[in-house]
């Protein structure tokens, strides 16, 4: 998994913890099944959030989609 993808996943986990939400709550916000969120958060699975997911989460939490991304590239040469 690319570092940027893991960054977004970690951000959503922190956001969910901060607001005392569980995977089911995030799934409801996104209109997906809880198993999708479980798969996203699992290191063994390739499921990832897409831009539509990020946009829905940003709208729900009243933040910008850009807040889900790091300030600088995570690519290490």
PDB file of N, CA and C in Angstrom:
ATOM      1  N   UNK A   1       0.852  -1.178   0.000  1.00  0.00           N
ATOM      2  CA  UNK A   1       0.000   0.000   0.000  1.00  0.00           C
ATOM      3  C   UNK A   1       0.895   1.237   0.000  1.00  0.00           C
ATOM      4  N   UNK A   2       0.514   2.216  -0.775  1.00  0.00           N
ATOM      5  CA  UNK A   2       1.286   3.457  -0.849  1.00  0.00           C
ATOM      6  C   UNK A   2       1.159   4.236   0.462  1.00  0.00           C
ATOM      7  N   UNK A   3       2.194   4.968   0.780  1.00  0.00           N
ATOM      8  CA  UNK A   3       2.213   5.752   2.021  1.00  0.00           C
ATOM      9  C   UNK A   3       1.055   6.743   2.088  1.00  0.00           C
ATOM     10  N   UNK A   4       0.689   7.335   0.974  1.00  0.00           N
ATOM     11  CA  UNK A   4      -0.407   8.306   0.961  1.00  0.00           C
ATOM     12  C   UNK A   4      -1.734   7.631   1.295  1.00  0.00           C
ATOM     13  N   UNK A   5      -1.918   6.408   0.823  1.00  0.00           N
ATOM     14  CA  UNK A   5      -3.147   5.667   1.118  1.00  0.00           C
ATOM     15  C   UNK A   5      -3.223   5.333   2.605  1.00  0.00           C
ATOM     16  N   UNK A   6      -2.110   4.923   3.178  1.00  0.00           N
ATOM     17  CA  UNK A   6      -2.079   4.625   4.608  1.00  0.00           C
ATOM     18  C   UNK A   6      -2.298   5.888   5.431  1.00  0.00           C
ATOM     19  N   UNK A   7      -1.779   7.016   4.954  1.00  0.00           N
ATOM     20  CA  UNK A   7      -1.962   8.293   5.644  1.00  0.00           C
ATOM     21  C   UNK A   7      -3.457   8.616   5.745  1.00  0.00           C
ATOM     22  N   UNK A   8      -4.175   8.461   4.637  1.00  0.00           N
ATOM     23  CA  UNK A   8      -5.619   8.756   4.623  1.00  0.00           C
ATOM     24  C   UNK A   8      -6.363   7.806   5.556  1.00  0.00           C
ATOM     25  N   UNK A   9      -6.031   6.543   5.506  1.00  0.00           N
ATOM     26  CA  UNK A   9      -6.678   5.556   6.387  1.00  0.00           C
ATOM     27  C   UNK A   9      -6.434   5.917   7.854  1.00  0.00           C
ATOM     28  N   UNK A  10      -5.188   6.238   8.189  1.00  0.00           N
ATOM     29  CA  UNK A  10      -4.858   6.617   9.568  1.00  0.00           C
ATOM     30  C   UNK A  10      -5.591   7.882   9.991  1.00  0.00           C
ATOM     31  N   UNK A  11      -5.735   8.838   9.069  1.00  0.00           N
ATOM     32  CA  UNK A  11      -6.457  10.076   9.379  1.00  0.00           C
ATOM     33  C   UNK A  11      -7.917   9.778   9.705  1.00  0.00           C
ATOM     34  N   UNK A  12      -8.537   8.918   8.917  1.00  0.00           N
ATOM     35  CA  UNK A  12      -9.949   8.578   9.150  1.00  0.00           C
ATOM     36  C   UNK A  12     -10.105   7.842  10.478  1.00  0.00           C
ATOM     37  N   UNK A  13      -9.176   6.956  10.791  1.00  0.00           N
ATOM     38  CA  UNK A  13      -9.236   6.250  12.081  1.00  0.00           C
ATOM     39  C   UNK A  13      -9.133   7.243  13.236  1.00  0.00           C
ATOM     40  N   UNK A  14      -8.211   8.203  13.144  1.00  0.00           N
ATOM     41  CA  UNK A  14      -8.071   9.219  14.194  1.00  0.00           C
ATOM     42  C   UNK A  14      -9.327  10.078  14.295  1.00  0.00           C
ATOM     43  N   UNK A  15      -9.889  10.443  13.154  1.00  0.00           N
ATOM     44  CA  UNK A  15     -11.104  11.252  13.131  1.00  0.00           C
ATOM     45  C   UNK A  15     -12.259  10.486  13.773  1.00  0.00           C
ATOM     46  N   UNK A  16     -12.366   9.225  13.447  1.00  0.00           N
ATOM     47  CA  UNK A  16     -13.429   8.389  14.008  1.00  0.00           C
ATOM     48  C   UNK A  16     -13.258   8.240  15.514  1.00  0.00           C
ATOM     49  N   UNK A  17     -12.030   8.026  15.961  1.00  0.00           N
ATOM     50  CA  UNK A  17     -11.767   7.913  17.404  1.00  0.00           C
ATOM     51  C   UNK A  17     -12.064   9.228  18.132  1.00  0.00           C
ATOM     52  N   UNK A  18     -11.664  10.329  17.526  1.00  0.00           N
ATOM     53  CA  UNK A  18     -11.888  11.658  18.126  1.00  0.00           C
ATOM     54  C   UNK A  18     -13.374  11.925  18.353  1.00  0.00           C
ATOM     55  N   UNK A  19     -14.201  11.430  17.445  1.00  0.00           N
ATOM     56  CA  UNK A  19     -15.647  11.664  17.532  1.00  0.00           C
ATOM     57  C   UNK A  19     -16.400  10.476  18.139  1.00  0.00           C
ATOM     58  N   UNK A  20     -15.643   9.554  18.740  1.00  0.00           N
ATOM     59  CA  UNK A  20     -16.235   8.376  19.383  1.00  0.00           C
ATOM     60  C   UNK A  20     -17.183   7.609  18.457  1.00  0.00           C
ATOM     61  N   UNK A  21     -16.728   7.393  17.226  1.00  0.00           N
ATOM     62  CA  UNK A  21     -17.511   6.651  16.252  1.00  0.00           C
ATOM     63  C   UNK A  21     -16.878   5.286  16.035  1.00  0.00           C
ATOM     64  N   UNK A  22     -17.675   4.346  15.545  1.00  0.00           N
ATOM     65  CA  UNK A  22     -17.142   3.030  15.217  1.00  0.00           C
ATOM     66  C   UNK A  22     -17.178   2.829  13.705  1.00  0.00           C
ATOM     67  N   UNK A  23     -16.729   1.670  13.275  1.00  0.00           N
ATOM     68  CA  UNK A  23     -16.696   1.392  11.840  1.00  0.00           C
ATOM     69  C   UNK A  23     -18.085   1.447  11.217  1.00  0.00           C
ATOM     70  N   UNK A  24     -19.083   0.991  11.943  1.00  0.00           N
ATOM     71  CA  UNK A  24     -20.462   1.022  11.439  1.00  0.00           C
ATOM     72  C   UNK A  24     -20.909   2.457  11.173  1.00  0.00           C
ATOM     73  N   UNK A  25     -20.533   3.378  12.059  1.00  0.00           N
ATOM     74  CA  UNK A  25     -20.894   4.789  11.873  1.00  0.00           C
ATOM     75  C   UNK A  25     -20.268   5.353  10.596  1.00  0.00           C
ATOM     76  N   UNK A  26     -18.994   5.048  10.379  1.00  0.00           N
ATOM     77  CA  UNK A  26     -18.319   5.532   9.164  1.00  0.00           C
ATOM     78  C   UNK A  26     -18.962   4.906   7.933  1.00  0.00           C
ATOM     79  N   UNK A  27     -19.297   3.641   8.019  1.00  0.00           N
ATOM     80  CA  UNK A  27     -19.963   2.958   6.906  1.00  0.00           C
ATOM     81  C   UNK A  27     -21.296   3.631   6.574  1.00  0.00           C
ATOM     82  N   UNK A  28     -22.038   4.000   7.590  1.00  0.00           N
ATOM     83  CA  UNK A  28     -23.325   4.676   7.374  1.00  0.00           C
ATOM     84  C   UNK A  28     -23.120   6.018   6.685  1.00  0.00           C
ATOM     85  N   UNK A  29     -22.130   6.781   7.127  1.00  0.00           N
ATOM     86  CA  UNK A  29     -21.828   8.079   6.509  1.00  0.00           C
ATOM     87  C   UNK A  29     -21.508   7.895   5.028  1.00  0.00           C
ATOM     88  N   UNK A  30     -20.760   6.840   4.716  1.00  0.00           N
ATOM     89  CA  UNK A  30     -20.324   6.611   3.335  1.00  0.00           C
ATOM     90  C   UNK A  30     -21.331   5.847   2.492  1.00  0.00           C
ATOM     91  N   UNK A  31     -22.331   5.256   3.143  1.00  0.00           N
ATOM     92  CA  UNK A  31     -23.302   4.455   2.396  1.00  0.00           C
ATOM     93  C   UNK A  31     -22.725   3.137   1.918  1.00  0.00           C
ATOM     94  N   UNK A  32     -21.843   2.558   2.738  1.00  0.00           N
ATOM     95  CA  UNK A  32     -21.231   1.259   2.422  1.00  0.00           C
ATOM     96  C   UNK A  32     -21.476   0.305   3.588  1.00  0.00           C
ATOM     97  N   UNK A  33     -21.083  -0.943   3.409  1.00  0.00           N
ATOM     98  CA  UNK A  33     -21.215  -1.919   4.499  1.00  0.00           C
ATOM     99  C   UNK A  33     -20.039  -1.790   5.459  1.00  0.00           C
ATOM    100  N   UNK A  34     -20.269  -2.178   6.704  1.00  0.00           N
ATOM    101  CA  UNK A  34     -19.204  -2.118   7.705  1.00  0.00           C
ATOM    102  C   UNK A  34     -17.999  -2.942   7.291  1.00  0.00           C
ATOM    103  N   UNK A  35     -18.250  -4.038   6.584  1.00  0.00           N
ATOM    104  CA  UNK A  35     -17.133  -4.894   6.158  1.00  0.00           C
ATOM    105  C   UNK A  35     -16.165  -4.145   5.247  1.00  0.00           C
ATOM    106  N   UNK A  36     -16.664  -3.182   4.484  1.00  0.00           N
ATOM    107  CA  UNK A  36     -15.768  -2.369   3.654  1.00  0.00           C
ATOM    108  C   UNK A  36     -14.801  -1.591   4.536  1.00  0.00           C
ATOM    109  N   UNK A  37     -15.309  -0.980   5.601  1.00  0.00           N
ATOM    110  CA  UNK A  37     -14.454  -0.205   6.509  1.00  0.00           C
ATOM    111  C   UNK A  37     -13.452  -1.138   7.187  1.00  0.00           C
ATOM    112  N   UNK A  38     -13.900  -2.305   7.595  1.00  0.00           N
ATOM    113  CA  UNK A  38     -12.999  -3.299   8.184  1.00  0.00           C
ATOM    114  C   UNK A  38     -11.883  -3.643   7.200  1.00  0.00           C
ATOM    115  N   UNK A  39     -12.247  -3.836   5.943  1.00  0.00           N
ATOM    116  CA  UNK A  39     -11.255  -4.169   4.919  1.00  0.00           C
ATOM    117  C   UNK A  39     -10.286  -3.014   4.660  1.00  0.00           C
ATOM    118  N   UNK A  40     -10.781  -1.789   4.693  1.00  0.00           N
ATOM    119  CA  UNK A  40      -9.909  -0.628   4.511  1.00  0.00           C
ATOM    120  C   UNK A  40      -8.884  -0.565   5.638  1.00  0.00           C
ATOM    121  N   UNK A  41      -9.332  -0.809   6.852  1.00  0.00           N
ATOM    122  CA  UNK A  41      -8.446  -0.684   8.014  1.00  0.00           C
ATOM    123  C   UNK A  41      -7.548  -1.903   8.225  1.00  0.00           C
ATOM    124  N   UNK A  42      -7.786  -2.970   7.497  1.00  0.00           N
ATOM    125  CA  UNK A  42      -6.974  -4.176   7.619  1.00  0.00           C
ATOM    126  C   UNK A  42      -5.708  -4.056   6.767  1.00  0.00           C
ATOM    127  N   UNK A  43      -4.568  -4.363   7.349  1.00  0.00           N
ATOM    128  CA  UNK A  43      -3.302  -4.315   6.615  1.00  0.00           C
ATOM    129  C   UNK A  43      -3.244  -5.399   5.538  1.00  0.00           C
ATOM    130  N   UNK A  44      -4.075  -6.406   5.652  1.00  0.00           N
ATOM    131  CA  UNK A  44      -4.050  -7.519   4.704  1.00  0.00           C
ATOM    132  C   UNK A  44      -4.948  -7.299   3.495  1.00  0.00           C
ATOM    133  N   UNK A  45      -5.709  -6.217   3.486  1.00  0.00           N
ATOM    134  CA  UNK A  45      -6.683  -6.003   2.423  1.00  0.00           C
ATOM    135  C   UNK A  45      -6.308  -4.811   1.565  1.00  0.00           C
ATOM    136  N   UNK A  46      -6.746  -4.824   0.336  1.00  0.00           N
ATOM    137  CA  UNK A  46      -6.422  -3.742  -0.595  1.00  0.00           C
ATOM    138  C   UNK A  46      -7.535  -2.696  -0.723  1.00  0.00           C
ATOM    139  N   UNK A  47      -8.604  -2.805   0.036  1.00  0.00           N
ATOM    140  CA  UNK A  47      -9.683  -1.815  -0.038  1.00  0.00           C
ATOM    141  C   UNK A  47      -9.151  -0.458   0.403  1.00  0.00           C
ATOM    142  N   UNK A  48      -9.602   0.591  -0.271  1.00  0.00           N
ATOM    143  CA  UNK A  48      -9.128   1.936   0.025  1.00  0.00           C
ATOM    144  C   UNK A  48     -10.283   2.925  -0.098  1.00  0.00           C
ATOM    145  N   UNK A  49     -10.123   4.045   0.571  1.00  0.00           N
ATOM    146  CA  UNK A  49     -11.071   5.135   0.383  1.00  0.00           C
ATOM    147  C   UNK A  49     -10.807   5.789  -0.970  1.00  0.00           C
ATOM    148  N   UNK A  50     -11.879   6.205  -1.640  1.00  0.00           N
ATOM    149  CA  UNK A  50     -11.710   6.951  -2.881  1.00  0.00           C
ATOM    150  C   UNK A  50     -12.058   8.419  -2.640  1.00  0.00           C
ATOM    151  N   UNK A  51     -11.958   9.228  -3.653  1.00  0.00           N
ATOM    152  CA  UNK A  51     -12.206  10.663  -3.489  1.00  0.00           C
ATOM    153  C   UNK A  51     -13.648  10.963  -3.084  1.00  0.00           C
ATOM    154  N   UNK A  52     -14.577  10.176  -3.566  1.00  0.00           N
ATOM    155  CA  UNK A  52     -15.973  10.355  -3.179  1.00  0.00           C
ATOM    156  C   UNK A  52     -16.157  10.094  -1.679  1.00  0.00           C
ATOM    157  N   UNK A  53     -15.498   9.056  -1.169  1.00  0.00           N
ATOM    158  CA  UNK A  53     -15.551   8.761   0.265  1.00  0.00           C
ATOM    159  C   UNK A  53     -14.980   9.934   1.073  1.00  0.00           C
ATOM    160  N   UNK A  54     -13.841  10.420   0.636  1.00  0.00           N
ATOM    161  CA  UNK A  54     -13.192  11.539   1.339  1.00  0.00           C
ATOM    162  C   UNK A  54     -14.097  12.761   1.328  1.00  0.00           C
ATOM    163  N   UNK A  55     -14.739  13.020   0.186  1.00  0.00           N
ATOM    164  CA  UNK A  55     -15.634  14.170   0.084  1.00  0.00           C
ATOM    165  C   UNK A  55     -16.825  14.029   1.034  1.00  0.00           C
ATOM    166  N   UNK A  56     -17.405  12.834   1.120  1.00  0.00           N
ATOM    167  CA  UNK A  56     -18.535  12.606   2.034  1.00  0.00           C
ATOM    168  C   UNK A  56     -18.115  12.769   3.489  1.00  0.00           C
ATOM    169  N   UNK A  57     -16.948  12.236   3.845  1.00  0.00           N
ATOM    170  CA  UNK A  57     -16.462  12.372   5.221  1.00  0.00           C
ATOM    171  C   UNK A  57     -16.164  13.829   5.551  1.00  0.00           C
ATOM    172  N   UNK A  58     -15.547  14.531   4.621  1.00  0.00           N
ATOM    173  CA  UNK A  58     -15.236  15.945   4.834  1.00  0.00           C
ATOM    174  C   UNK A  58     -16.525  16.740   5.064  1.00  0.00           C
ATOM    175  N   UNK A  59     -17.543  16.479   4.258  1.00  0.00           N
ATOM    176  CA  UNK A  59     -18.828  17.165   4.416  1.00  0.00           C
ATOM    177  C   UNK A  59     -19.446  16.837   5.771  1.00  0.00           C
ATOM    178  N   UNK A  60     -19.429  15.576   6.151  1.00  0.00           N
ATOM    179  CA  UNK A  60     -20.023  15.173   7.428  1.00  0.00           C
ATOM    180  C   UNK A  60     -19.347  15.849   8.616  1.00  0.00           C
ATOM    181  N   UNK A  61     -18.015  15.922   8.587  1.00  0.00           N
ATOM    182  CA  UNK A  61     -17.272  16.477   9.720  1.00  0.00           C
ATOM    183  C   UNK A  61     -17.003  17.983   9.597  1.00  0.00           C
ATOM    184  N   UNK A  62     -17.472  18.594   8.514  1.00  0.00           N
ATOM    185  CA  UNK A  62     -17.311  20.040   8.348  1.00  0.00           C
ATOM    186  C   UNK A  62     -15.861  20.465   8.140  1.00  0.00           C
ATOM    187  N   UNK A  63     -15.092  19.628   7.443  1.00  0.00           N
ATOM    188  CA  UNK A  63     -13.704  19.962   7.145  1.00  0.00           C
ATOM    189  C   UNK A  63     -13.499  19.883   5.637  1.00  0.00           C
ATOM    190  N   UNK A  64     -12.326  20.273   5.194  1.00  0.00           N
ATOM    191  CA  UNK A  64     -12.014  20.241   3.769  1.00  0.00           C
ATOM    192  C   UNK A  64     -11.469  18.872   3.368  1.00  0.00           C
ATOM    193  N   UNK A  65     -11.760  18.432   2.160  1.00  0.00           N
ATOM    194  CA  UNK A  65     -11.149  17.185   1.687  1.00  0.00           C
ATOM    195  C   UNK A  65      -9.616  17.239   1.740  1.00  0.00           C
ATOM    196  N   UNK A  66      -9.055  18.423   1.581  1.00  0.00           N
ATOM    197  CA  UNK A  66      -7.591  18.531   1.611  1.00  0.00           C
ATOM    198  C   UNK A  66      -7.025  18.214   3.001  1.00  0.00           C
ATOM    199  N   UNK A  67      -7.854  18.299   4.036  1.00  0.00           N
ATOM    200  CA  UNK A  67      -7.401  17.973   5.387  1.00  0.00           C
ATOM    201  C   UNK A  67      -7.046  16.493   5.538  1.00  0.00           C
ATOM    202  N   UNK A  68      -7.504  15.663   4.618  1.00  0.00           N
ATOM    203  CA  UNK A  68      -7.238  14.238   4.665  1.00  0.00           C
ATOM    204  C   UNK A  68      -5.859  13.890   4.096  1.00  0.00           C
ATOM    205  N   UNK A  69      -5.202  14.881   3.508  1.00  0.00           N
ATOM    206  CA  UNK A  69      -3.918  14.652   2.849  1.00  0.00           C
ATOM    207  C   UNK A  69      -2.782  15.337   3.598  1.00  0.00           C
ATOM    208  N   UNK A  70      -1.565  14.792   3.468  1.00  0.00           N
ATOM    209  CA  UNK A  70      -0.423  15.433   4.122  1.00  0.00           C
ATOM    210  C   UNK A  70      -0.064  16.744   3.416  1.00  0.00           C
ATOM    211  N   UNK A  71       0.666  17.587   4.109  1.00  0.00           N
ATOM    212  CA  UNK A  71       1.072  18.861   3.524  1.00  0.00           C
ATOM    213  C   UNK A  71       2.063  18.683   2.383  1.00  0.00           C
ATOM    214  N   UNK A  72       2.902  17.655   2.481  1.00  0.00           N
ATOM    215  CA  UNK A  72       3.918  17.405   1.460  1.00  0.00           C
ATOM    216  C   UNK A  72       3.829  15.957   0.990  1.00  0.00           C
ATOM    217  N   UNK A  73       4.397  15.711  -0.158  1.00  0.00           N
ATOM    218  CA  UNK A  73       4.432  14.364  -0.711  1.00  0.00           C
ATOM    219  C   UNK A  73       5.119  13.395   0.243  1.00  0.00           C
ATOM    220  N   UNK A  74       4.645  12.175   0.257  1.00  0.00           N
ATOM    221  CA  UNK A  74       5.230  11.127   1.092  1.00  0.00           C
ATOM    222  C   UNK A  74       6.147  10.211   0.296  1.00  0.00           C
ATOM    223  N   UNK A  75       6.372  10.533  -0.958  1.00  0.00           N
ATOM    224  CA  UNK A  75       7.241   9.710  -1.801  1.00  0.00           C
ATOM    225  C   UNK A  75       8.689   9.944  -1.371  1.00  0.00           C
ATOM    226  N   UNK A  76       9.367   8.830  -1.100  1.00  0.00           N
ATOM    227  CA  UNK A  76      10.768   8.901  -0.710  1.00  0.00           C
ATOM    228  C   UNK A  76      11.605   8.371  -1.856  1.00  0.00           C
ATOM    229  N   UNK A  77      12.510   9.183  -2.293  1.00  0.00           N
ATOM    230  CA  UNK A  77      13.368   8.768  -3.419  1.00  0.00           C
ATOM    231  C   UNK A  77      14.611   8.105  -2.932  1.00  0.00           C
TER     232      UNK A  77
END
